[in-house]
Amino acid sequence: MIQRKKLTIGLIKEGKIPPDTRVPLTPAQCSTLMRKYPDIHIKVQHSDIRCFSDQEYRDASVQIVDHVDDADILLGVKEVNINELIPEKTYLFFSHTIKKQAYNKPLLQEILKKKIRLVDYERLTDDHGIRVIAFGRWAGIVGAHNGLMTYGLRHGGFSLPRVKDCHDYKALKAIYQGVKLPPMRIVLTGNGRVAKGCEEVLGMIGVKQLSPQTYLNQRFDYPVYVELHDEKLYSRKSDGGYNQHEFFTHPELYKTSFNQFLDKTDLMINGIYWNPAAPVFFTREQMLDTDFSIQTIADITCDIRGSIPSTLRATTISDPIMGYDPVKDKECEAFKPGVVDVMSVDNLPNELPRDASKAFGEMLIEHVWEELLLENSRMINRASIAVAGHLNEGYEYLSDYVKE
């Protein structure tokens, strides 16, 4: 028989600024879990900003508390504020530290100092290395919409409302029925959850998908897009070949073929995971070329100064678009001549928080919950970046990152 622990699990309030209103579990999901697992008690920390109110949790017979210090496991969404970390607890949230992100270095340092077990949602995988939980689809849906919205604001001819002003995804889909896009050419990078979410929107709004060859070699009087990933986007420097395992383990051996699309694309939607050792899609110098035609970029991946040089920072849901001046390599006012408009919001699913939270909670329950209750879970161990004041196995490469 599998031995399970008696646990108190706390849903923490989100403290990151700008605020995020998503939740890891909805009121109905909390109620269902406590009925199914009588030894598990779930309590929710009071918050005024959640997409599900305190009263909705109370109505589902979930306890609302001011403090969760007595909980064994703490579930959040975004990074936890350093001064709110409780020592020697197990936390689950998106830490954004595995790429040595400079802005979260103090967070991981404090987690190690306080001997916290950090389980990163991004690292929860099955035995084949496939991620089991993510907000990616919703990031893709909102990101593609925002990219099209930004293009419309620059060029006119059509307009789209803000996703955040729609009641839910059903209301958003109804809007697309009355929108007609002008001829435009879109590159979408990726083929995972984010890209699939983007494809949903592009399909509903009437953008036709093409092969790379057709996209590059023909003209169109209607909106089109091409999806680029794997061998369509990268090739080995030595002989032009491609091996997926080799690329994932040694991306420095590869070059990108994205330069073929720089003079034939109006809107770029970036939805692919990027390894810092992999080649960038293009450089600032290439953006200065008179043939560079991309004027709108929706960088859903949002690696600051990463695969796309114009992503200088994460924009916000309240102010989602910034301009980038490639001559000065600086942020500037958007929609001006010579300026590239950049949408780089890093919490896009928060524009559809109730839909996104419900889907996330379903994945958490299906793939992670039973593992979380085990005394020793391979899945949880693989996703644990820090344990008892030390970097866990597989994350020793972060040792220089967390040094003072």
Protein backbone atom coordinates (compact mmCIF):
# COMPACT_ATOMS: atom_id res chain seq x y z
CA MET A 1 0.00 0.00 0.00
CA ILE A 2 1.24 3.50 -0.84
CA GLN A 3 1.94 5.44 2.34
CA ARG A 4 0.66 9.01 2.37
CA LYS A 5 1.32 11.82 4.78
CA LYS A 6 -1.30 13.80 6.68
CA LEU A 7 -0.83 17.29 5.33
CA THR A 8 -2.03 20.83 5.59
CA ILE A 9 -1.75 22.61 2.28
CA GLY A 10 -1.95 26.37 2.00
CA LEU A 11 -2.77 28.50 -1.01
CA ILE A 12 -0.71 31.63 -0.55
CA LYS A 13 -1.73 35.11 -1.63
CA GLU A 14 0.16 36.47 -4.61
CA GLY A 15 2.43 39.33 -3.62
CA LYS A 16 4.38 40.09 -6.78
CA ILE A 17 3.96 43.52 -8.36
CA PRO A 18 2.28 43.96 -10.80
CA PRO A 19 -0.32 41.72 -9.17
CA ASP A 20 -1.30 38.32 -10.53
CA THR A 21 -4.84 37.14 -9.85
CA ARG A 22 -4.48 33.46 -10.83
CA VAL A 23 -4.76 30.58 -8.38
CA PRO A 24 -3.29 27.05 -8.42
CA LEU A 25 -6.61 25.53 -7.32
CA THR A 26 -10.15 26.86 -7.68
CA PRO A 27 -12.68 26.73 -4.83
CA ALA A 28 -14.47 23.75 -6.39
CA GLN A 29 -11.19 21.89 -6.86
CA CYS A 30 -10.18 22.48 -3.22
CA SER A 31 -13.54 21.17 -2.03
CA THR A 32 -13.33 18.08 -4.24
CA LEU A 33 -9.80 17.26 -3.07
CA MET A 34 -10.68 17.49 0.63
CA ARG A 35 -13.65 15.16 0.13
CA LYS A 36 -11.51 12.66 -1.76
CA TYR A 37 -8.55 12.90 0.65
CA PRO A 38 -9.91 13.21 4.22
CA ASP A 39 -6.38 13.44 5.68
CA ILE A 40 -5.64 16.55 3.64
CA HIS A 41 -6.69 19.97 4.86
CA ILE A 42 -6.54 22.92 2.48
CA LYS A 43 -6.61 26.49 3.71
CA VAL A 44 -6.44 29.67 1.67
CA GLN A 45 -4.64 32.84 2.69
CA HIS A 46 -6.82 35.94 2.53
CA SER A 47 -6.41 38.01 -0.62
CA ASP A 48 -8.29 40.93 -2.14
CA ILE A 49 -6.99 40.40 -5.67
CA ARG A 50 -7.71 36.77 -6.58
CA CYS A 51 -9.90 36.00 -9.58
CA PHE A 52 -11.84 33.78 -7.16
CA SER A 53 -12.90 35.74 -4.09
CA ASP A 54 -12.49 34.69 -0.47
CA GLN A 55 -16.27 34.25 -0.32
CA GLU A 56 -16.21 31.82 -3.24
CA TYR A 57 -13.76 29.67 -1.27
CA ARG A 58 -15.90 29.94 1.87
CA ASP A 59 -18.96 28.92 -0.13
CA ALA A 60 -17.02 25.78 -1.14
CA SER A 61 -16.28 25.05 2.56
CA VAL A 62 -12.62 26.08 2.28
CA GLN A 63 -11.10 27.86 5.26
CA ILE A 64 -9.83 31.42 4.76
CA VAL A 65 -6.94 32.44 7.04
CA ASP A 66 -4.63 35.42 7.47
CA HIS A 67 -1.50 33.29 7.87
CA VAL A 68 -0.40 29.92 6.54
CA ASP A 69 2.61 29.37 8.78
CA ASP A 70 1.25 26.02 10.00
CA ALA A 71 0.87 24.58 6.49
CA ASP A 72 3.25 21.85 5.32
CA ILE A 73 3.08 22.67 1.61
CA LEU A 74 2.46 26.10 0.16
CA LEU A 75 1.08 26.56 -3.36
CA GLY A 76 1.42 29.80 -5.30
CA VAL A 77 1.71 30.90 -8.92
CA LYS A 78 4.34 33.61 -9.39
CA GLU A 79 7.53 34.26 -7.42
CA VAL A 80 7.08 34.78 -3.68
CA ASN A 81 8.31 38.03 -2.17
CA ILE A 82 11.52 37.44 -0.25
CA ASN A 83 10.19 38.92 3.00
CA GLU A 84 7.16 36.61 2.87
CA LEU A 85 9.09 33.32 2.58
CA ILE A 86 8.48 31.03 5.55
CA PRO A 87 11.57 29.00 6.60
CA GLU A 88 11.76 25.23 6.15
CA LYS A 89 8.54 24.90 4.15
CA THR A 90 7.88 23.25 0.81
CA TYR A 91 6.82 25.76 -1.83
CA LEU A 92 5.48 25.20 -5.33
CA PHE A 93 5.54 28.16 -7.73
CA PHE A 94 7.17 29.39 -10.92
CA SER A 95 10.53 30.64 -9.66
CA HIS A 96 12.11 31.79 -12.96
CA THR A 97 15.59 30.92 -11.72
CA ILE A 98 16.66 27.94 -13.84
CA LYS A 99 18.11 30.19 -16.56
CA LYS A 100 20.04 32.17 -13.93
CA GLN A 101 17.68 35.11 -14.29
CA ALA A 102 19.51 37.96 -12.57
CA TYR A 103 16.38 39.56 -11.16
CA ASN A 104 15.54 36.41 -9.14
CA LYS A 105 19.03 35.66 -7.81
CA PRO A 106 18.18 37.15 -4.37
CA LEU A 107 15.05 34.99 -4.25
CA LEU A 108 16.95 31.72 -4.68
CA GLN A 109 19.63 32.88 -2.25
CA GLU A 110 16.98 33.49 0.41
CA ILE A 111 15.31 30.15 -0.30
CA LEU A 112 18.62 28.40 0.34
CA LYS A 113 19.24 30.49 3.45
CA LYS A 114 15.83 29.61 4.89
CA LYS A 115 16.22 25.91 4.02
CA ILE A 116 13.09 25.91 1.89
CA ARG A 117 12.26 23.12 -0.52
CA LEU A 118 11.51 24.84 -3.81
CA VAL A 119 9.48 22.79 -6.29
CA ASP A 120 9.28 24.65 -9.59
CA TYR A 121 6.18 23.96 -11.69
CA GLU A 122 8.28 24.39 -14.80
CA ARG A 123 10.38 21.37 -13.82
CA LEU A 124 7.53 18.96 -13.07
CA THR A 125 7.90 16.28 -15.73
CA ASP A 126 6.97 12.68 -16.37
CA ASP A 127 9.57 9.92 -16.67
CA HIS A 128 10.11 10.88 -20.33
CA GLY A 129 10.95 14.46 -19.47
CA ILE A 130 7.66 15.91 -20.71
CA ARG A 131 6.20 18.77 -18.67
CA VAL A 132 2.94 17.84 -17.00
CA ILE A 133 1.67 21.23 -15.85
CA ALA A 134 1.74 24.68 -17.40
CA PHE A 135 -0.23 27.81 -18.28
CA GLY A 136 1.24 27.65 -21.80
CA ARG A 137 -1.98 27.27 -23.80
CA TRP A 138 -3.46 30.35 -22.17
CA ALA A 139 -0.26 32.34 -22.65
CA GLY A 140 -0.46 31.44 -26.34
CA ILE A 141 -4.12 32.41 -26.66
CA VAL A 142 -3.64 35.81 -25.04
CA GLY A 143 -0.22 36.39 -26.62
CA ALA A 144 -1.43 35.80 -30.17
CA HIS A 145 -4.43 38.04 -29.56
CA ASN A 146 -2.23 40.79 -28.15
CA GLY A 147 0.17 40.51 -31.08
CA LEU A 148 -2.67 40.97 -33.55
CA MET A 149 -4.11 43.77 -31.44
CA THR A 150 -0.73 45.55 -31.44
CA TYR A 151 -0.43 45.19 -35.22
CA GLY A 152 -3.92 46.65 -35.63
CA LEU A 153 -3.09 49.61 -33.43
CA ARG A 154 -0.07 50.39 -35.59
CA HIS A 155 -1.54 49.87 -39.06
CA GLY A 156 -5.28 50.32 -38.61
CA GLY A 157 -7.82 48.46 -40.70
CA PHE A 158 -9.10 46.41 -37.77
CA SER A 159 -9.20 46.60 -34.00
CA LEU A 160 -9.37 44.07 -31.20
CA PRO A 161 -10.44 44.68 -27.59
CA ARG A 162 -8.30 43.83 -24.60
CA VAL A 163 -8.60 40.23 -23.48
CA LYS A 164 -8.70 41.37 -19.86
CA ASP A 165 -11.95 43.19 -20.60
CA CYS A 166 -13.66 39.98 -21.78
CA HIS A 167 -15.61 38.01 -19.20
CA ASP A 168 -14.05 34.70 -20.26
CA TYR A 169 -12.67 32.76 -23.21
CA LYS A 170 -16.16 32.11 -24.55
CA ALA A 171 -16.76 35.86 -24.80
CA LEU A 172 -13.38 36.35 -26.47
CA LYS A 173 -14.12 33.73 -29.13
CA ALA A 174 -17.39 35.44 -29.96
CA ILE A 175 -15.49 38.62 -30.84
CA TYR A 176 -13.47 36.90 -33.57
CA GLN A 177 -16.58 36.12 -35.60
CA GLY A 178 -16.85 39.76 -36.67
CA VAL A 179 -13.17 40.51 -37.35
CA LYS A 180 -11.62 40.53 -40.82
CA LEU A 181 -7.84 40.87 -40.95
CA PRO A 182 -5.99 42.56 -43.82
CA PRO A 183 -3.26 40.73 -45.75
CA MET A 184 -0.40 40.17 -43.34
CA ARG A 185 2.42 37.70 -42.83
CA ILE A 186 3.06 36.12 -39.43
CA VAL A 187 5.85 33.91 -38.12
CA LEU A 188 5.03 31.77 -35.10
CA THR A 189 7.91 30.02 -33.31
CA GLY A 190 7.31 26.87 -31.29
CA ASN A 191 5.15 23.75 -31.34
CA GLY A 192 4.33 23.24 -27.68
CA ARG A 193 1.43 24.39 -25.51
CA VAL A 194 2.09 28.06 -26.18
CA ALA A 195 2.21 27.62 -29.95
CA LYS A 196 -0.95 25.49 -29.90
CA GLY A 197 -2.73 28.26 -28.01
CA CYS A 198 -1.56 30.74 -30.64
CA GLU A 199 -2.83 28.45 -33.40
CA GLU A 200 -6.27 28.39 -31.79
CA VAL A 201 -6.56 32.16 -32.11
CA LEU A 202 -5.01 32.40 -35.57
CA GLY A 203 -7.35 29.69 -36.82
CA MET A 204 -10.48 31.26 -35.33
CA ILE A 205 -9.66 34.66 -36.78
CA GLY A 206 -9.04 33.28 -40.27
CA VAL A 207 -5.26 33.22 -40.70
CA LYS A 208 -4.15 30.44 -43.04
CA GLN A 209 -1.16 28.26 -42.13
CA LEU A 210 1.48 27.68 -44.83
CA SER A 211 4.61 25.61 -45.24
CA PRO A 212 7.89 27.56 -44.93
CA GLN A 213 8.57 27.14 -48.65
CA THR A 214 5.17 28.50 -49.68
CA TYR A 215 5.41 31.35 -47.18
CA LEU A 216 8.82 32.40 -48.46
CA ASN A 217 8.19 32.09 -52.18
CA GLN A 218 4.65 33.34 -52.84
CA ARG A 219 2.57 36.47 -52.32
CA PHE A 220 -0.88 36.50 -50.73
CA ASP A 221 -3.85 38.85 -50.54
CA TYR A 222 -5.07 37.35 -47.24
CA PRO A 223 -3.46 36.82 -43.79
CA VAL A 224 -1.06 33.87 -43.52
CA TYR A 225 1.32 32.38 -40.98
CA VAL A 226 4.11 29.84 -40.78
CA GLU A 227 5.05 27.82 -37.70
CA LEU A 228 8.78 27.32 -37.13
CA HIS A 229 10.38 24.83 -34.77
CA ASP A 230 13.05 22.15 -34.68
CA GLU A 231 14.61 21.52 -38.11
CA LYS A 232 12.52 24.33 -39.65
CA LEU A 233 14.28 26.79 -37.40
CA TYR A 234 17.72 25.36 -36.61
CA SER A 235 20.44 23.48 -38.45
CA ARG A 236 23.84 22.11 -37.47
CA LYS A 237 26.68 24.52 -38.21
CA SER A 238 28.93 21.81 -39.59
CA ASP A 239 26.69 20.14 -42.17
CA GLY A 240 23.20 21.67 -42.03
CA GLY A 241 21.65 18.59 -40.39
CA TYR A 242 19.43 18.37 -37.35
CA ASN A 243 19.20 15.96 -34.43
CA GLN A 244 16.72 16.83 -31.71
CA HIS A 245 18.62 15.22 -28.84
CA GLU A 246 21.86 16.85 -29.91
CA PHE A 247 20.18 20.24 -30.25
CA PHE A 248 18.66 20.01 -26.78
CA THR A 249 21.97 18.99 -25.19
CA HIS A 250 24.37 21.03 -27.34
CA PRO A 251 22.47 23.95 -28.88
CA GLU A 252 25.73 25.84 -29.35
CA LEU A 253 26.48 23.53 -32.28
CA TYR A 254 23.52 24.94 -34.21
CA LYS A 255 22.63 28.05 -36.18
CA THR A 256 19.23 29.52 -36.93
CA SER A 257 17.63 29.83 -40.35
CA PHE A 258 15.33 32.60 -39.17
CA ASN A 259 17.18 35.17 -41.28
CA GLN A 260 15.19 33.90 -44.31
CA PHE A 261 12.05 35.37 -42.78
CA LEU A 262 13.33 38.77 -41.69
CA ASP A 263 12.34 40.57 -44.90
CA LYS A 264 9.06 38.72 -45.44
CA THR A 265 7.33 39.01 -42.07
CA ASP A 266 5.08 41.67 -40.56
CA LEU A 267 4.35 40.13 -37.16
CA MET A 268 6.48 37.73 -35.13
CA ILE A 269 4.89 35.70 -32.34
CA ASN A 270 7.57 34.03 -30.22
CA GLY A 271 6.26 31.02 -28.33
CA ILE A 272 9.27 28.72 -28.13
CA TYR A 273 11.44 27.75 -25.18
CA TRP A 274 14.90 29.22 -25.63
CA ASN A 275 18.15 27.90 -24.21
CA PRO A 276 20.65 30.75 -23.61
CA ALA A 277 23.29 28.60 -25.32
CA ALA A 278 21.20 28.45 -28.51
CA PRO A 279 21.55 31.03 -31.29
CA VAL A 280 19.38 34.14 -31.17
CA PHE A 281 16.79 34.61 -33.91
CA PHE A 282 18.33 37.86 -35.07
CA THR A 283 20.59 40.62 -33.79
CA ARG A 284 20.13 44.32 -33.26
CA GLU A 285 22.40 44.92 -36.25
CA GLN A 286 20.04 42.89 -38.44
CA MET A 287 17.14 44.99 -37.20
CA LEU A 288 18.94 48.04 -38.61
CA ASP A 289 18.95 46.55 -42.09
CA THR A 290 16.56 48.29 -44.47
CA ASP A 291 15.13 44.90 -45.50
CA PHE A 292 14.11 44.04 -41.94
CA SER A 293 10.32 44.09 -42.19
CA ILE A 294 9.13 42.97 -38.75
CA GLN A 295 7.42 45.92 -37.10
CA THR A 296 5.45 44.07 -34.44
CA ILE A 297 6.75 41.40 -32.04
CA ALA A 298 4.68 39.47 -29.51
CA ASP A 299 7.35 37.88 -27.34
CA ILE A 300 5.38 35.42 -25.25
CA THR A 301 8.54 33.65 -24.09
CA CYS A 302 9.88 36.97 -22.79
CA ASP A 303 13.54 36.19 -22.20
CA ILE A 304 14.98 39.58 -21.31
CA ARG A 305 17.77 40.41 -23.79
CA GLY A 306 17.51 36.80 -24.92
CA SER A 307 16.53 35.36 -28.29
CA ILE A 308 15.03 38.69 -29.38
CA PRO A 309 17.17 41.83 -28.81
CA SER A 310 14.19 44.18 -28.54
CA THR A 311 12.82 42.48 -25.43
CA LEU A 312 14.35 44.88 -22.94
CA ARG A 313 11.90 44.14 -20.16
CA ALA A 314 8.58 42.50 -19.40
CA THR A 315 5.67 44.79 -20.13
CA THR A 316 2.52 44.71 -18.03
CA ILE A 317 -1.13 43.87 -18.58
CA SER A 318 -2.03 47.48 -17.78
CA ASP A 319 0.57 48.80 -20.28
CA PRO A 320 1.37 45.89 -22.63
CA ILE A 321 3.18 47.58 -25.54
CA MET A 322 6.52 49.34 -25.67
CA GLY A 323 8.50 50.73 -28.57
CA TYR A 324 12.05 49.70 -29.35
CA ASP A 325 14.46 51.95 -31.23
CA PRO A 326 17.10 49.70 -32.84
CA VAL A 327 19.32 52.69 -33.67
CA LYS A 328 19.63 53.75 -30.04
CA ASP A 329 19.02 50.27 -28.62
CA LYS A 330 16.54 51.82 -26.21
CA GLU A 331 12.90 51.71 -25.28
CA CYS A 332 10.81 54.50 -26.79
CA GLU A 333 7.25 55.44 -27.65
CA ALA A 334 5.47 52.80 -29.70
CA PHE A 335 3.89 53.16 -33.16
CA LYS A 336 6.46 55.65 -34.48
CA PRO A 337 8.41 55.41 -37.78
CA GLY A 338 11.54 53.29 -37.44
CA VAL A 339 10.29 51.79 -34.18
CA VAL A 340 9.48 48.12 -33.54
CA ASP A 341 6.43 47.58 -31.32
CA VAL A 342 6.99 44.93 -28.65
CA MET A 343 4.38 43.13 -26.56
CA SER A 344 6.29 41.24 -23.85
CA VAL A 345 3.84 40.69 -20.99
CA ASP A 346 5.18 37.83 -18.84
CA ASN A 347 1.91 36.85 -17.13
CA LEU A 348 -0.42 36.70 -20.12
CA PRO A 349 -2.75 34.00 -18.72
CA ASN A 350 -3.72 36.51 -16.05
CA GLU A 351 -5.89 38.23 -18.67
CA LEU A 352 -8.14 35.14 -18.58
CA PRO A 353 -7.45 34.17 -14.96
CA ARG A 354 -10.51 32.07 -14.15
CA ASP A 355 -10.25 29.91 -17.29
CA ALA A 356 -6.48 29.57 -16.92
CA SER A 357 -6.63 28.75 -13.20
CA LYS A 358 -9.28 26.07 -13.69
CA ALA A 359 -7.22 24.39 -16.43
CA PHE A 360 -4.03 24.62 -14.35
CA GLY A 361 -5.74 23.10 -11.32
CA GLU A 362 -7.01 20.21 -13.43
CA MET A 363 -3.46 19.42 -14.55
CA LEU A 364 -2.17 19.76 -10.99
CA ILE A 365 -4.75 17.30 -9.72
CA GLU A 366 -4.33 14.82 -12.58
CA HIS A 367 -0.56 14.69 -12.76
CA VAL A 368 0.96 16.06 -9.54
CA TRP A 369 -1.37 15.69 -6.60
CA GLU A 370 -0.75 12.01 -5.84
CA GLU A 371 2.99 12.56 -6.26
CA LEU A 372 2.87 15.45 -3.81
CA LEU A 373 1.36 13.20 -1.15
CA LEU A 374 4.07 10.53 -1.41
CA GLU A 375 6.90 10.36 1.09
CA ASN A 376 9.38 10.10 -1.77
CA SER A 377 8.37 11.04 -5.31
CA ARG A 378 10.76 10.97 -8.27
CA MET A 379 8.69 13.64 -10.01
CA ILE A 380 8.78 16.01 -7.03
CA ASN A 381 12.47 15.37 -6.50
CA ARG A 382 13.28 16.15 -10.14
CA ALA A 383 11.44 19.46 -9.82
CA SER A 384 13.05 20.43 -6.48
CA ILE A 385 15.64 23.10 -7.19
CA ALA A 386 16.57 23.60 -3.54
CA VAL A 387 16.30 21.20 -0.58
CA ALA A 388 17.32 21.86 3.05
CA GLY A 389 19.63 24.74 2.24
CA HIS A 390 21.38 23.13 -0.74
CA LEU A 391 20.93 23.01 -4.48
CA ASN A 392 19.37 19.68 -5.40
CA GLU A 393 20.89 17.13 -7.74
CA GLY A 394 20.66 18.41 -11.29
CA TYR A 395 20.75 22.06 -10.25
CA GLU A 396 24.36 22.33 -9.13
CA TYR A 397 25.00 24.44 -12.24
CA LEU A 398 23.29 27.28 -10.34
CA SER A 399 26.02 27.34 -7.67
CA ASP A 400 27.88 30.29 -9.22
CA TYR A 401 24.55 32.08 -9.73
CA VAL A 402 23.66 32.00 -6.03
CA LYS A 403 27.07 33.00 -4.71
CA GLU A 404 27.28 36.45 -3.17
